C-alpha cells in the first residue's frame, strides 16, 4: 500500500469534523472562531492509523460556500474522499459543488457517508439513499459504497473504518516517488525557537532534512531545517504524506498559501497558462473570450481572464483550448488540474488541465498553436519530450531536467531521447558527463544566426582568415559557455566551420584577393626582399589611403600565410632571410659553445638592433638561448 491522504467533502453542518473526531479521537477545528461557531472555516489536519500500521493523513475541508477557496486548497493530493451527507437533509447545494470540484481535480475514489442516521427513521434513510443514487448516477461516484453512520452515537463507525482500510489497501500510488519533490503550501506560521514552518501534502518526490528547495513563484532558495510527518520528527517525507517543514533562508512574510516548495528548476512560474478548459454540464454560465474567472489549483487561488483560442464562447458541457492570463504569478506543471469559478456571482462552473504553464502570449485561432497544444494533450512521451525541448530554444535542455519536468525517470527519458535523435528530431550534446538536447529546428536557427554573424564580421574584415571563437559563442548569449563551445566544435566536426589557427571561418571560405590585397602584398614583399638584413620598416613604405585602411589586417594575413615574419611592431622580414640567417649562425657555431652579438653583427653586416631581432627569433624557435650574458647565445639544436 502507498501513503494515503483521505479528505472530506460535503455541505456545511453535515458533520464532517464530528465524523473525523469519531474516527480518530482528534478535533481538526483549531481556530477559536471554528470552535465558537461550530463550523469549519479553514483546513483541518489529522491522521488515521490503518490496520497494517500505516498512517493515512486526513484533511477536513470547510463546507460553507464562503470558504470554497479553503476547500479547494485541501483537495490537492487526496486519494480517497469521504463525501459526507446528513441523513436528515440529504444532498444540498455545497454537496453538489464539492462533488464537481473533486471530479474536476481528478479525485477518483469515494465513500459516501450518510451521517446523522440517529436523527431519522429507516424509511427516511431508504428515501435519502435513493435520492443519493439518483444524484450520482452517471458520475464517478456511481459505484461508491454508501455507509450509514452517526458521529454522535458511534453507529457505523467501525464499518466505516473497515471500508476505509479496504479501499486504502487497494490504492496504488500514481505519484512519482522518484520525481522532483513538490509540496503546495496550505499553511504557514512561525514557531518560537524554530522560525518559519509550512505544511502541505507532498504530491511527488521525497524531501530530506538538509535539502535545498525553491519557493515558487518567487524563486526564493531555502533549506529544510527539520521535518515532521503527522506530528513526529522525521528525516524525510515521501509523496502522499502530510508534512510540516521547518525552513531556513525564507521569512514567514515571504510565504503565503498557494506558494509551492519544490526541487530547483522543476516548477514553472509565469502568468500565461495554456489549458484545456471544460464547463460543467450544470454550470448555468457561458464563458466568452476575456471572461474574468477565479482560478484554483493546488493550494493557490488567483484571478485570471480566459482567452479562448479555438472558440468564441463555450456553453455548459462544452470545452475548448484556452490561455488563462493570470493577474499574479503561478507555480504549475503540465498536467496539473484546476477549477474555475465565475467572477460574480462566485460559483463553480468548470475546470480543466494545464498543458503549458509558462506559455508566451498566444493569438487566437492560430493553427500552429492549436496543433502544438493538441499534441501536448495527447501525452505521447516522445511528443512531450520534443515539445518540451522546443521550450529551450536558446539554451539547450539538460536531459535530467527534462525528465524531471515531464515526470519521467532518467532511464525513460534516455530511451525517448535516443528515439528522437534517431528520427532526426533532436541533437544530443555531452558536456562534463551530462547530456543536453536541442531541437533540430532551434539548432538550425542558431546555426543561421552564427553564420550570419560570421559573414557580417568577414565583410567588415575581408582580409582576415576567420573570426575569433568568442564572436560565435557570444552570438549565443543565453547558453552556458561550455555548451556554446561544444556546439561550435560540433559545427567544425560536421564541416560547417573550419578552424584556422585560433580563428574560425565558414568551410571553404577564401579571403578577398583583390586590387588592395595584391597591391599591399607586392609592395611589402619587394621592400622586405630588397632590405635584406637591414629590415625595412612598414611605416617607411608608401601605401594608398585604401591600402592604409586595411594594412594591419593584410600584414596579419601575410604573416598567417607564412609569407612574412614579424620581428617587432614595425619590422618584418621574409622567411627566406631568416632561414638563411639560421644556417649561417649554425655554421658559425661549429667547434664553439657560444656566439656573441658582435659576431653575428659581423656575419650580416647590420646593426646590433637588427642582430638582436634575429637572435630573438632564433630563441623563439628553440635554436638558441641566452647564456649568463645578455650578449651571448648558446646553440640548442644542431
Foldseek 3Di string as FASTA:
>chain_A
DDAAEEEEFEAWPLCQQLLVCLQPVDGQADDPVCVVVVFHQAKGKFWHQAPVRHIHIYIYAGRYPVRVLRRLQALPLHAEYEYGAELVPAHDPSSVQRLQSNVLQPHQHYAYEHEPPVVDDPVSNVVSVVVVCVVCPPHSCNPHHYFYAYSVVGPRSVVVSVVVNVVVVPDDDPAAQQFKWKFQFSDWDQDPPQFIKTKGATQHYKDFQQDWKAKPPVRFIKGFNWKDFRNHTDRMDTHNTIMMTRIPRDHRVVDDGQIMIIHPLQWDKAFKFKWKWAWAQPQPDKAAFQFKKWKDFNSDIFIWGWHFAEDGIDDHGDIGITITGTPGMHTHAFFTKMWIFHPPPTGTTTIGTTQGRHDDDDDHPDVVVVVLSVLSVVPDPLSLLLSVQVVCLLAFAWLCSSCNRSVHHSVVSVVSVVVCVVVVQWDWDADPNTITIHGPVSLVVLLVQLQVQFVVVCVVQLLAPAAALCSSLVSSVVYDSRVSVRVVVVCCVVQQWDDQDRGIHGRPDDGDCDPLLVVLVVQVQVVQVVCQLQFDFPVPDDDDPVNVVNVVSSVVNCVSVQQWADLDPGTIHGVVSLVVLLVVVVVVCVVHFKDFLVVSCVVRVYDSVSSVSSVVVCVVVPQWDDDPDPGMIGGDDD
